[in-house]
Every structure is written in C-alpha cells, then in structure tokens.
Amino acid sequence: MKKTPIKIKKHNYKIKVEWTGNQGNGTQNYKSYTRNHNIIAENKYETIKGSADPSFLGDKTKYNPEDLFLSSISACHMLWYLHLCSVNNIIVTDYLDNANAVMEETKDGKGKFTEVTLHPNVKITDPSRINEANKLHQKANRMCFIANSCNFPIKHTPITTKE
C-alpha cells in the first residue's frame, strides 16, 4: 500500500524591530545607549514599545523579549484551550492566566528559559465538566505552536470553577 505524503501547511511571519535608543553616540560604550525599541507588524493597530529587562539596563516600563516570550506561550495555550472547549461544548465565560517563568543566566552572559508554569483560572457554566475542562489543558499544550517550539516542558496548574 502506497502512503500518501503528509501535506505541510507553512505560515510565514514578518516583524520589524526598530532600535530607538541611540542617544547621539550610538553604541560607543555599554551605557551610552538605551535598549528601547519598537516592534512593528504590518496591518497591526499598535506598535509595541520594547526594551531590555531592567537587569540588562532596560526600561522597566516597557515590554522586554522575556515578557513577550512568556506572553506568547500563555496566549497560544489560551487560544488552543478556548478552541478545544468550544469544540467539546464546554462553555468558558472567563479566562485569566498568571504565568511565570524562570530564566537562568550563566557567568559568560548566556541564558535560557528552564521553566514556564501557566496558572489559568477558568470559569465555565457547567460544574459537572470541571475535570474534563482541566484535562483539556494537556491537549492544548500538545497543540500549542509556541510550546512545541520550546526545549523545556510547560507546566500547568489550572483552577476551573463554575461561572
């Protein structure tokens, strides 16, 4: 029997990152510039104001790459979870995730994320389906494009309650 090849659908993304931190002397030394930048995507309403983490001389009032990485994992999980609830006829009326992550930095300045835990707080209309709703987090994790791109496990500690 001849196997039919699996069709792979490719999605392409473009983003523009524009450094806005030249204080007049460029990168003359480590403290002569800010880490501020704009993240711009075509057809998007707003520009994201970014910087580095304050530990790396960034502006604490702006999003840093680590914030955006964690929010990407959390948002992707949420979108898959809502989809799975929808197709399983579980009605979600509220979803809030207080996600956290750990990044380790070595003496030579390299670093990597070693842990992410999502803490989704979900409200559903049917309390008899809370266990089923909680189990869908595992499937959402398996489906999440961002989680599938990580080299560490994404943990979940969901709390699901009746609306």
Protein backbone atom coordinates (compact mmCIF):
# COMPACT_ATOMS: atom_id res chain seq x y z
CA MET A 1 0.00 0.00 0.00
CA LYS A 2 1.40 3.36 -1.02
CA LYS A 3 1.45 6.01 1.70
CA THR A 4 0.12 9.43 0.89
CA PRO A 5 2.62 12.09 1.92
CA ILE A 6 1.51 14.38 4.72
CA LYS A 7 0.86 17.86 3.43
CA ILE A 8 2.58 20.51 5.46
CA LYS A 9 1.00 23.92 5.54
CA LYS A 10 3.58 26.67 6.02
CA HIS A 11 2.83 30.00 7.67
CA ASN A 12 5.19 32.93 7.33
CA TYR A 13 5.51 35.84 9.73
CA LYS A 14 7.24 39.18 9.43
CA ILE A 15 8.06 41.63 12.16
CA LYS A 16 10.09 44.81 12.18
CA VAL A 17 12.18 45.68 15.23
CA GLU A 18 13.41 49.27 15.18
CA TRP A 19 16.03 50.39 17.72
CA THR A 20 15.19 53.82 19.13
CA GLY A 21 17.91 54.02 21.78
CA ASN A 22 20.68 55.99 20.07
CA GLN A 23 21.47 58.82 22.50
CA GLY A 24 23.71 60.57 19.96
CA ASN A 25 26.84 58.42 20.27
CA GLY A 26 25.44 55.06 19.18
CA THR A 27 26.97 52.07 20.95
CA GLN A 28 30.16 53.90 21.90
CA ASN A 29 30.09 52.04 25.24
CA TYR A 30 27.73 49.79 27.18
CA LYS A 31 25.98 52.68 28.92
CA SER A 32 25.91 55.16 26.04
CA TYR A 33 22.65 53.87 24.57
CA THR A 34 19.26 52.69 25.72
CA ARG A 35 17.79 49.33 24.84
CA ASN A 36 14.50 50.88 23.73
CA HIS A 37 12.94 49.70 20.50
CA ASN A 38 9.66 49.43 18.64
CA ILE A 39 8.09 46.19 17.50
CA ILE A 40 6.03 46.77 14.39
CA ALA A 41 3.91 44.42 12.32
CA GLU A 42 2.15 45.27 9.09
CA ASN A 43 -1.60 45.84 9.48
CA LYS A 44 -1.41 45.91 13.28
CA TYR A 45 -3.05 48.81 15.06
CA GLU A 46 -0.40 49.45 17.68
CA THR A 47 3.35 49.44 17.96
CA ILE A 48 4.76 47.59 20.97
CA LYS A 49 7.26 49.66 22.92
CA GLY A 50 10.09 47.37 23.95
CA SER A 51 13.30 47.49 25.91
CA ALA A 52 15.61 45.08 27.70
CA ASP A 53 14.92 43.63 31.11
CA PRO A 54 15.99 46.16 33.79
CA SER A 55 18.75 43.69 34.79
CA PHE A 56 20.31 44.49 31.41
CA LEU A 57 19.86 48.29 31.60
CA GLY A 58 16.37 48.22 30.12
CA ASP A 59 13.35 50.39 30.81
CA LYS A 60 11.10 48.59 33.32
CA THR A 61 8.01 50.33 31.91
CA LYS A 62 8.39 48.66 28.50
CA TYR A 63 7.97 45.05 27.42
CA ASN A 64 11.17 43.05 27.13
CA PRO A 65 11.80 39.94 25.00
CA GLU A 66 11.39 37.70 28.03
CA ASP A 67 7.96 39.20 28.78
CA LEU A 68 6.92 38.71 25.17
CA PHE A 69 8.20 35.12 25.10
CA LEU A 70 6.20 34.20 28.20
CA SER A 71 3.11 36.02 26.94
CA SER A 72 3.38 34.15 23.62
CA ILE A 73 3.35 30.80 25.40
CA SER A 74 0.44 31.84 27.61
CA ALA A 75 -1.63 33.35 24.78
CA CYS A 76 -1.07 30.41 22.43
CA HIS A 77 -2.12 27.98 25.16
CA MET A 78 -5.22 30.04 25.93
CA LEU A 79 -6.28 30.19 22.27
CA TRP A 80 -5.92 26.43 21.85
CA TYR A 81 -7.70 25.81 25.15
CA LEU A 82 -10.66 28.00 24.19
CA HIS A 83 -10.84 26.24 20.82
CA LEU A 84 -10.83 22.81 22.46
CA CYS A 85 -13.50 23.84 24.96
CA SER A 86 -15.61 25.20 22.12
CA VAL A 87 -15.46 22.01 20.04
CA ASN A 88 -16.17 19.93 23.18
CA ASN A 89 -19.18 22.07 24.10
CA ILE A 90 -17.65 23.36 27.32
CA ILE A 91 -18.69 26.98 27.71
CA VAL A 92 -15.91 29.17 29.10
CA THR A 93 -17.03 32.57 30.36
CA ASP A 94 -13.74 33.84 31.79
CA TYR A 95 -10.04 33.02 31.44
CA LEU A 96 -7.11 34.62 33.25
CA ASP A 97 -3.57 33.27 33.34
CA ASN A 98 -0.92 34.49 35.77
CA ALA A 99 2.00 32.79 34.02
CA ASN A 100 5.53 32.77 35.37
CA ALA A 101 8.90 31.66 34.05
CA VAL A 102 12.46 31.08 35.18
CA MET A 103 15.42 32.12 33.05
CA GLU A 104 18.92 31.12 34.11
CA GLU A 105 21.94 33.20 33.18
CA THR A 106 25.47 31.78 33.19
CA LYS A 107 28.68 33.59 34.15
CA ASP A 108 29.54 34.18 30.48
CA GLY A 109 26.24 36.03 29.96
CA LYS A 110 24.37 33.30 28.10
CA GLY A 111 20.96 32.37 29.34
CA LYS A 112 17.95 30.23 28.67
CA PHE A 113 14.48 29.62 29.96
CA THR A 114 14.32 26.46 32.04
CA GLU A 115 10.77 26.57 33.33
CA VAL A 116 7.38 28.02 32.48
CA THR A 117 4.25 27.45 34.53
CA LEU A 118 0.84 28.58 33.39
CA HIS A 119 -1.76 29.25 36.07
CA PRO A 120 -5.04 29.51 34.13
CA ASN A 121 -8.05 30.49 36.19
CA VAL A 122 -11.07 29.45 34.14
CA LYS A 123 -14.79 29.85 34.69
CA ILE A 124 -17.22 27.52 32.95
CA THR A 125 -21.01 27.29 33.01
CA ASP A 126 -21.36 23.57 33.81
CA PRO A 127 -19.66 22.49 37.07
CA SER A 128 -20.09 18.80 36.19
CA ARG A 129 -17.47 19.29 33.43
CA ILE A 130 -14.69 20.83 35.55
CA ASN A 131 -12.48 17.70 35.42
CA GLU A 132 -12.90 17.43 31.66
CA ALA A 133 -12.14 21.14 31.28
CA ASN A 134 -8.96 20.75 33.33
CA LYS A 135 -7.80 17.81 31.21
CA LEU A 136 -8.10 19.90 28.05
CA HIS A 137 -5.08 21.93 29.22
CA GLN A 138 -2.88 18.92 28.46
CA LYS A 139 -4.24 18.69 24.92
CA ALA A 140 -3.92 22.46 24.46
CA ASN A 141 -0.27 22.15 25.45
CA ARG A 142 0.28 19.42 22.85
CA MET A 143 -1.36 21.58 20.18
CA CYS A 144 0.27 24.93 21.06
CA PHE A 145 2.69 26.03 18.33
CA ILE A 146 4.82 28.02 20.75
CA ALA A 147 5.01 25.28 23.41
CA ASN A 148 6.00 22.81 20.68
CA SER A 149 8.90 25.12 19.81
CA CYS A 150 10.33 25.14 23.35
CA ASN A 151 13.07 22.82 24.59
CA PHE A 152 11.63 22.55 28.11
CA PRO A 153 8.26 21.39 29.45
CA ILE A 154 5.42 23.84 30.01
CA LYS A 155 3.66 23.14 33.31
CA HIS A 156 0.01 23.91 34.10
CA THR A 157 -1.80 24.44 37.37
CA PRO A 158 -5.35 25.23 36.25
CA ILE A 159 -8.14 26.29 38.56
CA THR A 160 -11.56 25.83 36.99
CA THR A 161 -14.72 26.95 38.72
CA LYS A 162 -18.37 27.45 37.95
CA GLU A 163 -19.30 30.83 36.49
